[in-house]
Amino acid sequence: MSRRARGDVQAVEAMRLFSMRLARRATRARHRATALAALALVIAAAAPARAYTNTSSGVVNLNGAVSLVCSVSLDGTGATTVFSDMTQGASGTLIGTVTEICNDANGYKVTVTSSNGGAFKGASTGTLIPYALTYDGSSVAFSGGMATLTPCGTRTTPVGLARPLAITFQRGYYASDGYSDTLTITMVGQ
C-alpha cells in the first residue's frame, strides 16, 4: 500500500476513533443529565412543600349533658283500690301497673314500702289482715315493711317497662272495720 493510502486509512481510523470518543462523551453527558434530573426530582420530593398562603384555624369544643331521669308511675286501677267486701278475699287482683323509666347507665332499683308491713290494718280495732303481692309475676317479700321489686343493672327503654302489681289475701270472717294500708313505690338510680 502506498504511503498516501496508508495515510488515508490512518486518517479514517483517527476520524472513527474521534467519532467514537465524541459519541462516548455525549452518552456520558446524557447519563449525567439524566442522573442530575433524577436527583433533582428526589430532592424536590423530599423537601417540604412551602405554601405561601395566609391561613388561620380555630377550635370548636362541643359539650353536652343528659339529665338523670328515673321515675315510676302507677296506671290502671289508680291510686286507691277499694275492696267493698274483704270477707270474699282476693286472688291475683290487679291493683295497678307500674311503669319504670330510668336512663341511669348503671341501672336502678324499685322498692315498695308498706305502712303496715304487708297487711291491711283496721282503723278502730287495729286488726291486721295480711296480704301477698306479686310484681310482674314474682312474689314480693316484705322485710321490715319494705321489699325490693326490681334490682336492675341496666337502663330502661325510653317508653319504660310496664309491670303489673297484684294482691292476694284470704277470705275470712273479719271484724267490722275500715281496713287500709299505704304502699309507696320508689325508684332510685344506681
N, C-alpha and C. Protein backbone atom coordinates (compact mmCIF):
# COMPACT_ATOMS: atom_id res chain seq x y z
N MET A 1 0.83 -1.14 0.00
CA MET A 1 0.00 0.00 0.00
C MET A 1 0.89 1.22 0.00
N SER A 2 0.41 2.17 -0.68
CA SER A 2 1.22 3.35 -0.84
C SER A 2 1.16 4.17 0.42
N ARG A 3 2.03 5.02 0.49
CA ARG A 3 2.14 5.87 1.64
C ARG A 3 0.91 6.75 1.79
N ARG A 4 0.50 7.20 0.68
CA ARG A 4 -0.67 8.04 0.71
C ARG A 4 -1.90 7.24 1.13
N ALA A 5 -2.06 6.03 0.67
CA ALA A 5 -3.19 5.21 1.02
C ALA A 5 -3.15 4.89 2.51
N ARG A 6 -1.88 4.62 3.01
CA ARG A 6 -1.76 4.35 4.41
C ARG A 6 -2.16 5.57 5.22
N GLY A 7 -1.81 6.71 4.77
CA GLY A 7 -2.17 7.95 5.46
C GLY A 7 -3.66 8.16 5.45
N ASP A 8 -4.33 7.78 4.36
CA ASP A 8 -5.79 7.92 4.28
C ASP A 8 -6.47 6.95 5.25
N VAL A 9 -5.93 5.73 5.34
CA VAL A 9 -6.51 4.74 6.23
C VAL A 9 -6.33 5.22 7.69
N GLN A 10 -5.12 5.78 7.95
CA GLN A 10 -4.88 6.27 9.29
C GLN A 10 -5.80 7.44 9.62
N ALA A 11 -6.05 8.28 8.64
CA ALA A 11 -6.93 9.43 8.84
C ALA A 11 -8.35 8.95 9.10
N VAL A 12 -8.76 7.94 8.34
CA VAL A 12 -10.11 7.41 8.50
C VAL A 12 -10.22 6.77 9.90
N GLU A 13 -9.14 6.02 10.25
CA GLU A 13 -9.15 5.37 11.55
C GLU A 13 -9.18 6.42 12.67
N ALA A 14 -8.44 7.48 12.54
CA ALA A 14 -8.42 8.54 13.53
C ALA A 14 -9.79 9.21 13.62
N MET A 15 -10.41 9.38 12.46
CA MET A 15 -11.75 10.00 12.44
C MET A 15 -12.76 9.09 13.15
N ARG A 16 -12.60 7.79 12.89
CA ARG A 16 -13.52 6.84 13.52
C ARG A 16 -13.31 6.86 15.03
N LEU A 17 -12.09 6.85 15.51
CA LEU A 17 -11.82 6.89 16.93
C LEU A 17 -12.32 8.19 17.54
N PHE A 18 -12.11 9.28 16.83
CA PHE A 18 -12.57 10.58 17.31
C PHE A 18 -14.10 10.58 17.42
N SER A 19 -14.79 10.02 16.43
CA SER A 19 -16.26 9.94 16.45
C SER A 19 -16.74 9.08 17.62
N MET A 20 -16.02 7.98 17.87
CA MET A 20 -16.41 7.11 18.98
C MET A 20 -16.23 7.84 20.32
N ARG A 21 -15.11 8.59 20.44
CA ARG A 21 -14.90 9.34 21.67
C ARG A 21 -15.99 10.38 21.88
N LEU A 22 -16.34 11.06 20.79
CA LEU A 22 -17.40 12.07 20.87
C LEU A 22 -18.73 11.42 21.26
N ALA A 23 -19.00 10.25 20.68
CA ALA A 23 -20.25 9.55 21.00
C ALA A 23 -20.26 9.13 22.46
N ARG A 24 -19.08 8.60 22.97
CA ARG A 24 -19.00 8.23 24.37
C ARG A 24 -19.20 9.43 25.28
N ARG A 25 -18.61 10.54 24.94
CA ARG A 25 -18.76 11.75 25.74
C ARG A 25 -20.22 12.21 25.75
N ALA A 26 -20.85 12.14 24.59
CA ALA A 26 -22.27 12.55 24.50
C ALA A 26 -23.14 11.62 25.35
N THR A 27 -22.83 10.29 25.30
CA THR A 27 -23.59 9.33 26.10
C THR A 27 -23.39 9.61 27.58
N ARG A 28 -22.11 9.85 27.99
CA ARG A 28 -21.84 10.17 29.38
C ARG A 28 -22.56 11.44 29.80
N ALA A 29 -22.59 12.42 28.93
CA ALA A 29 -23.27 13.68 29.23
C ALA A 29 -24.77 13.44 29.41
N ARG A 30 -25.35 12.59 28.53
CA ARG A 30 -26.77 12.27 28.66
C ARG A 30 -27.04 11.54 29.98
N HIS A 31 -26.14 10.60 30.34
CA HIS A 31 -26.29 9.88 31.60
C HIS A 31 -26.20 10.83 32.78
N ARG A 32 -25.24 11.77 32.71
CA ARG A 32 -25.10 12.75 33.79
C ARG A 32 -26.35 13.62 33.88
N ALA A 33 -26.87 14.02 32.73
CA ALA A 33 -28.06 14.87 32.72
C ALA A 33 -29.26 14.11 33.29
N THR A 34 -29.39 12.84 32.93
CA THR A 34 -30.48 12.02 33.45
C THR A 34 -30.34 11.84 34.96
N ALA A 35 -29.10 11.56 35.40
CA ALA A 35 -28.85 11.38 36.83
C ALA A 35 -29.13 12.67 37.58
N LEU A 36 -28.72 13.80 37.04
CA LEU A 36 -28.98 15.09 37.69
C LEU A 36 -30.48 15.37 37.76
N ALA A 37 -31.21 15.05 36.69
CA ALA A 37 -32.66 15.27 36.69
C ALA A 37 -33.33 14.38 37.73
N ALA A 38 -32.89 13.11 37.83
CA ALA A 38 -33.45 12.20 38.83
C ALA A 38 -33.14 12.69 40.23
N LEU A 39 -31.92 13.16 40.44
CA LEU A 39 -31.52 13.70 41.74
C LEU A 39 -32.36 14.92 42.09
N ALA A 40 -32.62 15.77 41.13
CA ALA A 40 -33.44 16.95 41.37
C ALA A 40 -34.86 16.55 41.76
N LEU A 41 -35.40 15.51 41.12
CA LEU A 41 -36.74 15.04 41.46
C LEU A 41 -36.78 14.47 42.88
N VAL A 42 -35.74 13.71 43.27
CA VAL A 42 -35.69 13.15 44.61
C VAL A 42 -35.60 14.26 45.65
N ILE A 43 -34.78 15.25 45.39
CA ILE A 43 -34.65 16.38 46.32
C ILE A 43 -35.96 17.15 46.42
N ALA A 44 -36.61 17.36 45.29
CA ALA A 44 -37.88 18.10 45.29
C ALA A 44 -38.95 17.33 46.06
N ALA A 45 -38.96 16.01 45.91
CA ALA A 45 -39.96 15.21 46.61
C ALA A 45 -39.71 15.18 48.11
N ALA A 46 -38.44 15.20 48.51
CA ALA A 46 -38.10 15.14 49.93
C ALA A 46 -38.28 16.47 50.63
N ALA A 47 -38.19 17.53 49.91
CA ALA A 47 -38.31 18.86 50.52
C ALA A 47 -39.76 19.15 50.87
N PRO A 48 -40.02 19.74 52.01
CA PRO A 48 -41.41 20.07 52.36
C PRO A 48 -41.95 21.15 51.44
N ALA A 49 -43.22 20.98 51.13
CA ALA A 49 -43.86 21.96 50.27
C ALA A 49 -44.06 23.24 51.07
N ARG A 50 -43.80 24.31 50.48
CA ARG A 50 -43.98 25.59 51.15
C ARG A 50 -45.19 26.27 50.55
N ALA A 51 -46.16 26.48 51.40
CA ALA A 51 -47.35 27.19 50.94
C ALA A 51 -47.24 28.62 51.47
N TYR A 52 -47.26 29.52 50.57
CA TYR A 52 -47.16 30.93 50.96
C TYR A 52 -48.55 31.53 50.95
N THR A 53 -49.42 30.94 51.85
CA THR A 53 -50.77 31.47 51.96
C THR A 53 -50.97 31.99 53.37
N ASN A 54 -51.87 32.89 53.52
CA ASN A 54 -52.19 33.45 54.82
C ASN A 54 -53.40 32.67 55.35
N THR A 55 -53.13 31.66 56.20
CA THR A 55 -54.23 30.83 56.72
C THR A 55 -54.32 30.98 58.23
N SER A 56 -55.50 30.62 58.74
CA SER A 56 -55.75 30.66 60.16
C SER A 56 -56.71 29.54 60.50
N SER A 57 -56.68 29.05 61.73
CA SER A 57 -57.61 27.99 62.13
C SER A 57 -58.13 28.28 63.53
N GLY A 58 -59.22 27.64 63.85
CA GLY A 58 -59.83 27.79 65.17
C GLY A 58 -60.31 26.45 65.67
N VAL A 59 -60.58 26.36 66.94
CA VAL A 59 -61.03 25.12 67.57
C VAL A 59 -62.42 25.34 68.14
N VAL A 60 -63.29 24.38 67.92
CA VAL A 60 -64.64 24.42 68.48
C VAL A 60 -64.78 23.22 69.40
N ASN A 61 -65.04 23.45 70.67
CA ASN A 61 -65.28 22.38 71.62
C ASN A 61 -66.79 22.17 71.75
N LEU A 62 -67.19 20.91 71.69
CA LEU A 62 -68.61 20.57 71.83
C LEU A 62 -68.80 19.80 73.13
N ASN A 63 -69.72 20.23 73.95
CA ASN A 63 -70.01 19.58 75.23
C ASN A 63 -71.52 19.43 75.37
N GLY A 64 -71.94 18.45 76.12
CA GLY A 64 -73.37 18.26 76.35
C GLY A 64 -73.58 17.44 77.60
N ALA A 65 -74.78 17.36 78.03
CA ALA A 65 -75.14 16.59 79.22
C ALA A 65 -76.54 16.03 79.06
N VAL A 66 -76.80 14.93 79.71
CA VAL A 66 -78.13 14.33 79.76
C VAL A 66 -78.50 14.19 81.23
N SER A 67 -79.60 14.78 81.59
CA SER A 67 -80.07 14.71 82.99
C SER A 67 -80.55 13.31 83.33
N LEU A 68 -80.36 12.95 84.58
CA LEU A 68 -80.84 11.66 85.06
C LEU A 68 -82.36 11.68 85.17
N VAL A 69 -82.98 10.67 84.59
CA VAL A 69 -84.43 10.53 84.67
C VAL A 69 -84.71 9.13 85.21
N CYS A 70 -85.26 9.08 86.41
CA CYS A 70 -85.71 7.82 87.00
C CYS A 70 -87.08 8.09 87.61
N SER A 71 -88.10 7.43 87.08
CA SER A 71 -89.45 7.68 87.60
C SER A 71 -90.29 6.41 87.51
N VAL A 72 -91.24 6.32 88.41
CA VAL A 72 -92.25 5.27 88.38
C VAL A 72 -93.61 5.95 88.34
N SER A 73 -94.51 5.33 87.61
CA SER A 73 -95.88 5.84 87.60
C SER A 73 -96.82 4.65 87.72
N LEU A 74 -97.96 4.88 88.33
CA LEU A 74 -98.95 3.84 88.55
C LEU A 74 -100.13 4.10 87.63
N ASP A 75 -100.38 3.14 86.75
CA ASP A 75 -101.50 3.25 85.81
C ASP A 75 -102.54 2.19 86.17
N GLY A 76 -103.61 2.21 85.47
CA GLY A 76 -104.61 1.16 85.64
C GLY A 76 -105.65 1.51 86.66
N THR A 77 -105.73 0.69 87.70
CA THR A 77 -106.77 0.83 88.69
C THR A 77 -106.71 2.18 89.40
N GLY A 78 -105.51 2.71 89.55
CA GLY A 78 -105.40 4.04 90.14
C GLY A 78 -104.71 4.03 91.48
N ALA A 79 -104.74 5.17 92.13
CA ALA A 79 -104.03 5.35 93.38
C ALA A 79 -104.75 4.70 94.55
N THR A 80 -106.04 4.43 94.42
CA THR A 80 -106.79 3.81 95.51
C THR A 80 -107.57 2.61 94.98
N THR A 81 -107.36 1.48 95.61
CA THR A 81 -108.12 0.28 95.26
C THR A 81 -109.02 -0.03 96.46
N VAL A 82 -110.30 -0.20 96.19
CA VAL A 82 -111.27 -0.44 97.26
C VAL A 82 -111.81 -1.86 97.12
N PHE A 83 -111.75 -2.60 98.23
CA PHE A 83 -112.35 -3.92 98.30
C PHE A 83 -113.61 -3.76 99.16
N SER A 84 -114.77 -3.73 98.52
CA SER A 84 -116.01 -3.44 99.24
C SER A 84 -116.42 -4.56 100.20
N ASP A 85 -116.01 -5.79 99.93
CA ASP A 85 -116.33 -6.89 100.84
C ASP A 85 -115.07 -7.74 101.01
N MET A 86 -114.27 -7.38 102.00
CA MET A 86 -112.99 -8.07 102.21
C MET A 86 -113.18 -9.51 102.66
N THR A 87 -114.37 -9.86 103.13
CA THR A 87 -114.59 -11.23 103.56
C THR A 87 -114.49 -12.21 102.39
N GLN A 88 -114.62 -11.70 101.16
CA GLN A 88 -114.53 -12.55 99.97
C GLN A 88 -113.07 -12.83 99.57
N GLY A 89 -112.12 -12.04 100.11
CA GLY A 89 -110.72 -12.21 99.77
C GLY A 89 -110.43 -11.74 98.34
N ALA A 90 -109.22 -11.94 97.92
CA ALA A 90 -108.79 -11.56 96.56
C ALA A 90 -107.70 -12.53 96.14
N SER A 91 -107.68 -12.84 94.86
CA SER A 91 -106.68 -13.78 94.34
C SER A 91 -106.07 -13.22 93.06
N GLY A 92 -104.87 -12.67 93.17
CA GLY A 92 -104.17 -12.12 91.99
C GLY A 92 -104.89 -10.93 91.38
N THR A 93 -105.56 -10.15 92.23
CA THR A 93 -106.31 -8.99 91.73
C THR A 93 -105.34 -7.86 91.37
N LEU A 94 -105.42 -7.39 90.13
CA LEU A 94 -104.56 -6.31 89.67
C LEU A 94 -104.93 -5.02 90.39
N ILE A 95 -103.96 -4.44 91.06
CA ILE A 95 -104.22 -3.16 91.75
C ILE A 95 -103.54 -2.00 91.01
N GLY A 96 -102.81 -2.31 89.94
CA GLY A 96 -102.21 -1.27 89.12
C GLY A 96 -101.05 -1.82 88.31
N THR A 97 -100.64 -1.04 87.34
CA THR A 97 -99.47 -1.36 86.54
C THR A 97 -98.45 -0.25 86.77
N VAL A 98 -97.27 -0.65 87.19
CA VAL A 98 -96.20 0.31 87.46
C VAL A 98 -95.32 0.40 86.22
N THR A 99 -95.11 1.63 85.74
CA THR A 99 -94.21 1.84 84.60
C THR A 99 -92.91 2.41 85.14
N GLU A 100 -91.83 1.69 84.85
CA GLU A 100 -90.48 2.09 85.28
C GLU A 100 -89.76 2.75 84.11
N ILE A 101 -89.23 3.94 84.33
CA ILE A 101 -88.43 4.62 83.31
C ILE A 101 -87.17 5.14 84.01
N CYS A 102 -86.01 4.72 83.51
CA CYS A 102 -84.74 5.20 84.10
C CYS A 102 -83.64 5.13 83.05
N ASN A 103 -82.87 6.23 82.94
CA ASN A 103 -81.78 6.26 81.97
C ASN A 103 -80.40 6.18 82.64
N ASP A 104 -80.35 5.78 83.90
CA ASP A 104 -79.07 5.63 84.59
C ASP A 104 -78.31 4.46 83.96
N ALA A 105 -77.10 4.73 83.47
CA ALA A 105 -76.31 3.70 82.80
C ALA A 105 -75.99 2.53 83.72
N ASN A 106 -75.96 2.75 85.02
CA ASN A 106 -75.67 1.68 85.97
C ASN A 106 -76.91 0.95 86.43
N GLY A 107 -78.07 1.35 85.93
CA GLY A 107 -79.31 0.69 86.31
C GLY A 107 -80.04 1.41 87.43
N TYR A 108 -80.99 0.73 88.01
CA TYR A 108 -81.86 1.34 89.02
C TYR A 108 -82.42 0.25 89.92
N LYS A 109 -83.12 0.70 90.97
CA LYS A 109 -83.77 -0.23 91.90
C LYS A 109 -85.14 0.34 92.24
N VAL A 110 -86.15 -0.51 92.21
CA VAL A 110 -87.51 -0.13 92.60
C VAL A 110 -87.85 -0.87 93.89
N THR A 111 -88.33 -0.11 94.86
CA THR A 111 -88.72 -0.71 96.15
C THR A 111 -90.16 -0.33 96.46
N VAL A 112 -90.77 -1.11 97.35
CA VAL A 112 -92.10 -0.80 97.83
C VAL A 112 -92.05 -0.83 99.36
N THR A 113 -92.72 0.14 99.95
CA THR A 113 -92.82 0.21 101.41
C THR A 113 -94.29 0.14 101.79
N SER A 114 -94.60 -0.70 102.77
CA SER A 114 -95.97 -0.84 103.28
C SER A 114 -96.04 -0.19 104.66
N SER A 115 -97.02 0.66 104.85
CA SER A 115 -97.19 1.32 106.16
C SER A 115 -97.43 0.32 107.28
N ASN A 116 -98.03 -0.84 106.93
CA ASN A 116 -98.38 -1.83 107.96
C ASN A 116 -97.62 -3.14 107.76
N GLY A 117 -96.49 -3.09 107.06
CA GLY A 117 -95.68 -4.31 106.92
C GLY A 117 -96.31 -5.39 106.09
N GLY A 118 -97.12 -5.05 105.10
CA GLY A 118 -97.75 -6.05 104.24
C GLY A 118 -99.06 -6.56 104.76
N ALA A 119 -99.85 -5.66 105.41
CA ALA A 119 -101.16 -6.07 105.94
C ALA A 119 -102.11 -4.88 105.92
N PHE A 120 -103.41 -5.20 105.75
CA PHE A 120 -104.44 -4.18 105.98
C PHE A 120 -104.57 -4.03 107.50
N LYS A 121 -104.81 -2.81 107.94
CA LYS A 121 -104.96 -2.58 109.38
C LYS A 121 -106.32 -1.91 109.63
N GLY A 122 -107.05 -2.49 110.61
CA GLY A 122 -108.35 -1.92 110.97
C GLY A 122 -108.16 -0.56 111.63
N ALA A 123 -108.97 0.42 111.23
CA ALA A 123 -108.84 1.79 111.74
C ALA A 123 -109.15 1.87 113.23
N SER A 124 -110.16 1.16 113.69
CA SER A 124 -110.52 1.26 115.12
C SER A 124 -110.06 0.05 115.91
N THR A 125 -110.05 -1.12 115.29
CA THR A 125 -109.69 -2.34 116.03
C THR A 125 -108.19 -2.62 116.00
N GLY A 126 -107.51 -2.11 114.97
CA GLY A 126 -106.08 -2.40 114.82
C GLY A 126 -105.82 -3.81 114.31
N THR A 127 -106.90 -4.52 113.95
CA THR A 127 -106.77 -5.88 113.44
C THR A 127 -106.00 -5.86 112.12
N LEU A 128 -105.10 -6.83 111.96
CA LEU A 128 -104.31 -6.92 110.73
C LEU A 128 -104.80 -8.07 109.86
N ILE A 129 -104.93 -7.80 108.58
CA ILE A 129 -105.27 -8.82 107.58
C ILE A 129 -104.09 -8.87 106.61
N PRO A 130 -103.24 -9.89 106.71
CA PRO A 130 -102.06 -9.95 105.85
C PRO A 130 -102.44 -10.22 104.39
N TYR A 131 -101.61 -9.72 103.51
CA TYR A 131 -101.80 -9.95 102.07
C TYR A 131 -100.45 -10.27 101.44
N ALA A 132 -100.50 -10.77 100.22
CA ALA A 132 -99.29 -11.06 99.43
C ALA A 132 -99.37 -10.28 98.13
N LEU A 133 -98.24 -9.75 97.70
CA LEU A 133 -98.16 -9.02 96.43
C LEU A 133 -97.33 -9.81 95.43
N THR A 134 -97.68 -9.64 94.17
CA THR A 134 -96.81 -10.09 93.08
C THR A 134 -96.52 -8.88 92.21
N TYR A 135 -95.28 -8.80 91.75
CA TYR A 135 -94.84 -7.69 90.91
C TYR A 135 -94.26 -8.30 89.65
N ASP A 136 -94.92 -8.05 88.55
CA ASP A 136 -94.51 -8.61 87.27
C ASP A 136 -94.45 -10.13 87.34
N GLY A 137 -95.38 -10.71 88.12
CA GLY A 137 -95.49 -12.16 88.24
C GLY A 137 -94.62 -12.78 89.32
N SER A 138 -93.74 -11.99 89.96
CA SER A 138 -92.87 -12.53 91.01
C SER A 138 -93.39 -12.14 92.39
N SER A 139 -93.25 -13.05 93.35
CA SER A 139 -93.68 -12.78 94.72
C SER A 139 -92.85 -11.66 95.34
N VAL A 140 -93.52 -10.85 96.15
CA VAL A 140 -92.86 -9.75 96.85
C VAL A 140 -92.73 -10.16 98.31
N ALA A 141 -91.49 -10.10 98.83
CA ALA A 141 -91.23 -10.49 100.22
C ALA A 141 -90.87 -9.26 101.03
N PHE A 142 -91.78 -8.87 101.94
CA PHE A 142 -91.53 -7.72 102.81
C PHE A 142 -90.58 -8.11 103.93
N SER A 143 -89.70 -7.19 104.25
CA SER A 143 -88.80 -7.34 105.39
C SER A 143 -88.75 -5.98 106.08
N GLY A 144 -89.30 -5.92 107.26
CA GLY A 144 -89.35 -4.64 107.95
C GLY A 144 -90.24 -3.63 107.24
N GLY A 145 -91.27 -4.12 106.56
CA GLY A 145 -92.21 -3.24 105.87
C GLY A 145 -91.73 -2.78 104.51
N MET A 146 -90.57 -3.28 104.03
CA MET A 146 -90.04 -2.87 102.73
C MET A 146 -89.64 -4.08 101.92
N ALA A 147 -89.73 -3.97 100.58
CA ALA A 147 -89.32 -5.04 99.68
C ALA A 147 -88.72 -4.44 98.41
N THR A 148 -87.75 -5.13 97.85
CA THR A 148 -87.18 -4.72 96.56
C THR A 148 -88.00 -5.38 95.47
N LEU A 149 -88.50 -4.56 94.56
CA LEU A 149 -89.30 -5.06 93.46
C LEU A 149 -88.44 -5.36 92.24
N THR A 150 -87.56 -4.43 91.90
CA THR A 150 -86.73 -4.59 90.71
C THR A 150 -85.31 -4.11 90.98
N PRO A 151 -84.37 -5.03 91.13
CA PRO A 151 -82.97 -4.61 91.09
C PRO A 151 -82.49 -4.80 89.66
N CYS A 152 -82.23 -3.73 88.95
CA CYS A 152 -81.91 -3.83 87.53
C CYS A 152 -80.56 -3.17 87.27
N GLY A 153 -79.67 -3.85 86.56
CA GLY A 153 -78.33 -3.34 86.28
C GLY A 153 -78.20 -2.58 84.99
N THR A 154 -79.32 -2.32 84.31
CA THR A 154 -79.26 -1.56 83.06
C THR A 154 -80.35 -0.51 83.05
N ARG A 155 -80.32 0.35 82.06
CA ARG A 155 -81.36 1.37 81.92
C ARG A 155 -82.53 0.80 81.15
N THR A 156 -83.67 1.47 81.23
CA THR A 156 -84.86 1.02 80.50
C THR A 156 -84.86 1.63 79.10
N THR A 157 -85.82 1.23 78.31
CA THR A 157 -86.06 1.89 77.03
C THR A 157 -86.73 3.23 77.31
N PRO A 158 -86.79 4.12 76.33
CA PRO A 158 -87.42 5.43 76.57
C PRO A 158 -88.89 5.34 77.00
N VAL A 159 -89.61 4.30 76.57
CA VAL A 159 -91.02 4.17 76.94
C VAL A 159 -91.18 3.46 78.28
N GLY A 160 -90.10 2.88 78.79
CA GLY A 160 -90.14 2.25 80.10
C GLY A 160 -90.62 0.81 80.05
N LEU A 161 -90.73 0.24 81.23
CA LEU A 161 -91.20 -1.14 81.40
C LEU A 161 -92.47 -1.13 82.23
N ALA A 162 -93.51 -1.75 81.71
CA ALA A 162 -94.79 -1.83 82.43
C ALA A 162 -94.82 -3.15 83.20
N ARG A 163 -95.03 -3.05 84.52
CA ARG A 163 -95.03 -4.24 85.37
C ARG A 163 -96.31 -4.26 86.21
N PRO A 164 -97.11 -5.33 86.08
CA PRO A 164 -98.36 -5.42 86.85
C PRO A 164 -98.09 -5.71 88.34
N LEU A 165 -98.88 -5.06 89.18
CA LEU A 165 -98.83 -5.24 90.63
C LEU A 165 -100.18 -5.83 91.05
N ALA A 166 -100.13 -7.02 91.67
CA ALA A 166 -101.37 -7.72 92.03
C ALA A 166 -101.34 -8.10 93.51
N ILE A 167 -102.53 -8.26 94.08
CA ILE A 167 -102.67 -8.57 95.51
C ILE A 167 -103.51 -9.83 95.70
N THR A 168 -103.15 -10.58 96.74
CA THR A 168 -103.92 -11.76 97.14
C THR A 168 -104.05 -11.72 98.67
N PHE A 169 -105.29 -11.94 99.17
CA PHE A 169 -105.49 -12.11 100.62
C PHE A 169 -106.63 -13.10 100.81
N GLN A 170 -106.61 -13.76 101.96
CA GLN A 170 -107.56 -14.83 102.25
C GLN A 170 -108.96 -14.27 102.52
N ARG A 171 -109.93 -15.06 102.13
CA ARG A 171 -111.29 -14.72 102.54
C ARG A 171 -111.42 -15.11 104.00
N GLY A 172 -112.27 -14.44 104.73
CA GLY A 172 -112.39 -14.75 106.15
C GLY A 172 -113.52 -13.96 106.81
N TYR A 173 -113.73 -14.32 108.05
CA TYR A 173 -114.76 -13.67 108.86
C TYR A 173 -114.05 -12.61 109.69
N TYR A 174 -113.93 -11.40 109.10
CA TYR A 174 -113.17 -10.32 109.73
C TYR A 174 -114.09 -9.42 110.55
N ALA A 175 -113.51 -8.77 111.55
CA ALA A 175 -114.26 -7.82 112.38
C ALA A 175 -114.67 -6.62 111.53
N SER A 176 -115.84 -6.12 111.84
CA SER A 176 -116.35 -4.95 111.13
C SER A 176 -115.44 -3.76 111.42
N ASP A 177 -114.88 -3.17 110.35
CA ASP A 177 -113.97 -2.03 110.50
C ASP A 177 -113.62 -1.53 109.09
N GLY A 178 -112.99 -0.42 109.04
CA GLY A 178 -112.40 0.06 107.79
C GLY A 178 -110.93 -0.32 107.78
N TYR A 179 -110.47 -1.02 106.78
CA TYR A 179 -109.10 -1.52 106.72
C TYR A 179 -108.34 -0.78 105.62
N SER A 180 -107.08 -0.55 105.88
CA SER A 180 -106.27 0.15 104.86
C SER A 180 -104.78 -0.16 105.02
N ASP A 181 -104.08 0.15 104.01
CA ASP A 181 -102.61 0.14 104.00
C ASP A 181 -102.19 1.09 102.90
N THR A 182 -101.01 1.64 103.04
CA THR A 182 -100.48 2.54 102.03
C THR A 182 -99.17 1.94 101.51
N LEU A 183 -99.12 1.78 100.19
CA LEU A 183 -97.91 1.30 99.53
C LEU A 183 -97.22 2.49 98.88
N THR A 184 -95.94 2.63 99.13
CA THR A 184 -95.15 3.68 98.49
C THR A 184 -94.11 3.01 97.61
N ILE A 185 -94.17 3.28 96.31
CA ILE A 185 -93.25 2.69 95.35
C ILE A 185 -92.21 3.76 95.00
N THR A 186 -90.95 3.38 95.13
CA THR A 186 -89.85 4.32 94.93
C THR A 186 -88.83 3.75 93.97
N MET A 187 -88.28 4.61 93.13
CA MET A 187 -87.20 4.21 92.22
C MET A 187 -85.99 5.07 92.50
N VAL A 188 -84.82 4.44 92.47
CA VAL A 188 -83.58 5.19 92.66
C VAL A 188 -82.55 4.66 91.65
N GLY A 189 -81.81 5.58 91.02
CA GLY A 189 -80.74 5.18 90.10
C GLY A 189 -79.58 4.63 90.89
N GLN A 190 -78.84 3.73 90.28
CA GLN A 190 -77.70 3.11 90.96
C GLN A 190 -76.53 4.04 90.89
